[in-house]
């Protein structure tokens, strides 16, 4: 997943919600180094869930470990 440093709001993802399924490839393991990307990914998942859009994804690790290196406050 490519990411930019620009802060994205949930409304930026609404265009993707016109599809019933979205495929995302290469989701990284998130860490402090790419924390903004982690927040964008979570926002995308939230918007997809709210709009009943399915996700087909490939990632560098199992879903449960994608966020294990991020410390939340």
C-alpha atoms as a PDB file:
ATOM      1  CA  UNK A   1       0.000   0.000   0.000  1.00  0.00           C
ATOM      2  CA  UNK A   2       1.427   3.308  -0.998  1.00  0.00           C
ATOM      3  CA  UNK A   3       0.943   6.162   1.354  1.00  0.00           C
ATOM      4  CA  UNK A   4       1.474   9.871   1.363  1.00  0.00           C
ATOM      5  CA  UNK A   5       2.266  12.181   4.223  1.00  0.00           C
ATOM      6  CA  UNK A   6      -0.938  14.122   3.528  1.00  0.00           C
ATOM      7  CA  UNK A   7      -3.573  13.691   6.246  1.00  0.00           C
ATOM      8  CA  UNK A   8      -6.653  11.970   4.848  1.00  0.00           C
ATOM      9  CA  UNK A   9     -10.104  12.291   6.309  1.00  0.00           C
ATOM     10  CA  UNK A  10     -12.789   9.625   6.075  1.00  0.00           C
ATOM     11  CA  UNK A  11     -14.591  11.621   3.389  1.00  0.00           C
ATOM     12  CA  UNK A  12     -11.587  11.133   1.078  1.00  0.00           C
ATOM     13  CA  UNK A  13     -12.350   7.413   0.939  1.00  0.00           C
ATOM     14  CA  UNK A  14     -16.042   7.705   0.074  1.00  0.00           C
ATOM     15  CA  UNK A  15     -15.341   7.375  -3.650  1.00  0.00           C
ATOM     16  CA  UNK A  16     -14.089   3.849  -3.038  1.00  0.00           C
ATOM     17  CA  UNK A  17     -17.434   2.984  -1.485  1.00  0.00           C
ATOM     18  CA  UNK A  18     -19.108   2.833  -4.885  1.00  0.00           C
ATOM     19  CA  UNK A  19     -17.605  -0.657  -5.259  1.00  0.00           C
ATOM     20  CA  UNK A  20     -18.871  -3.775  -3.465  1.00  0.00           C
ATOM     21  CA  UNK A  21     -15.328  -5.181  -3.076  1.00  0.00           C
ATOM     22  CA  UNK A  22     -11.908  -3.509  -2.909  1.00  0.00           C
ATOM     23  CA  UNK A  23      -8.582  -5.319  -3.247  1.00  0.00           C
ATOM     24  CA  UNK A  24      -5.545  -3.982  -1.388  1.00  0.00           C
ATOM     25  CA  UNK A  25      -2.114  -5.471  -1.964  1.00  0.00           C
ATOM     26  CA  UNK A  26       1.038  -5.352   0.148  1.00  0.00           C
ATOM     27  CA  UNK A  27      -0.251  -4.031   3.466  1.00  0.00           C
ATOM     28  CA  UNK A  28       2.858  -3.531   5.634  1.00  0.00           C
ATOM     29  CA  UNK A  29       3.423  -4.322   9.272  1.00  0.00           C
ATOM     30  CA  UNK A  30       2.808  -0.968  10.935  1.00  0.00           C
ATOM     31  CA  UNK A  31       5.310   0.578  13.335  1.00  0.00           C
ATOM     32  CA  UNK A  32       6.274   3.968  14.719  1.00  0.00           C
ATOM     33  CA  UNK A  33       8.050   4.677  11.417  1.00  0.00           C
ATOM     34  CA  UNK A  34       4.819   4.433   9.406  1.00  0.00           C
ATOM     35  CA  UNK A  35       2.264   5.312  12.070  1.00  0.00           C
ATOM     36  CA  UNK A  36       0.397   7.856   9.862  1.00  0.00           C
ATOM     37  CA  UNK A  37      -0.119   5.099   7.287  1.00  0.00           C
ATOM     38  CA  UNK A  38      -1.597   2.909  10.014  1.00  0.00           C
ATOM     39  CA  UNK A  39      -4.128   5.597  10.890  1.00  0.00           C
ATOM     40  CA  UNK A  40      -5.072   6.001   7.216  1.00  0.00           C
ATOM     41  CA  UNK A  41      -5.489   2.245   6.876  1.00  0.00           C
ATOM     42  CA  UNK A  42      -7.782   2.092   9.907  1.00  0.00           C
ATOM     43  CA  UNK A  43      -9.825   5.004   8.529  1.00  0.00           C
ATOM     44  CA  UNK A  44     -10.185   3.183   5.209  1.00  0.00           C
ATOM     45  CA  UNK A  45     -11.345   0.016   6.974  1.00  0.00           C
ATOM     46  CA  UNK A  46     -13.857   2.009   9.068  1.00  0.00           C
ATOM     47  CA  UNK A  47     -15.332   3.685   5.983  1.00  0.00           C
ATOM     48  CA  UNK A  48     -15.510   0.375   4.131  1.00  0.00           C
ATOM     49  CA  UNK A  49     -17.250  -1.280   7.090  1.00  0.00           C
ATOM     50  CA  UNK A  50     -19.795   1.534   7.422  1.00  0.00           C
ATOM     51  CA  UNK A  51     -20.595   1.253   3.714  1.00  0.00           C
ATOM     52  CA  UNK A  52     -20.646  -2.570   3.631  1.00  0.00           C
ATOM     53  CA  UNK A  53     -17.710  -2.751   1.204  1.00  0.00           C
ATOM     54  CA  UNK A  54     -15.774  -6.025   1.244  1.00  0.00           C
ATOM     55  CA  UNK A  55     -11.991  -6.127   1.526  1.00  0.00           C
ATOM     56  CA  UNK A  56      -9.719  -8.565  -0.284  1.00  0.00           C
ATOM     57  CA  UNK A  57      -6.199  -8.015   1.022  1.00  0.00           C
ATOM     58  CA  UNK A  58      -2.671  -9.339   1.051  1.00  0.00           C
ATOM     59  CA  UNK A  59      -0.310  -8.273   3.793  1.00  0.00           C
ATOM     60  CA  UNK A  60       3.209  -8.816   5.078  1.00  0.00           C
ATOM     61  CA  UNK A  61       1.848 -10.564   8.187  1.00  0.00           C
ATOM     62  CA  UNK A  62      -1.286 -12.038   9.741  1.00  0.00           C
ATOM     63  CA  UNK A  63      -3.958  -9.416  10.538  1.00  0.00           C
ATOM     64  CA  UNK A  64      -3.470  -9.751  14.297  1.00  0.00           C
ATOM     65  CA  UNK A  65       0.215  -8.769  14.011  1.00  0.00           C
ATOM     66  CA  UNK A  66      -0.110  -5.841  11.581  1.00  0.00           C
ATOM     67  CA  UNK A  67      -0.419  -3.367  14.455  1.00  0.00           C
ATOM     68  CA  UNK A  68       1.575  -5.154  17.158  1.00  0.00           C
ATOM     69  CA  UNK A  69       4.507  -2.715  16.871  1.00  0.00           C
ATOM     70  CA  UNK A  70       2.370   0.395  17.352  1.00  0.00           C
ATOM     71  CA  UNK A  71       2.090   1.754  20.866  1.00  0.00           C
ATOM     72  CA  UNK A  72      -1.140   3.645  21.432  1.00  0.00           C
ATOM     73  CA  UNK A  73      -1.671   6.222  24.121  1.00  0.00           C
END
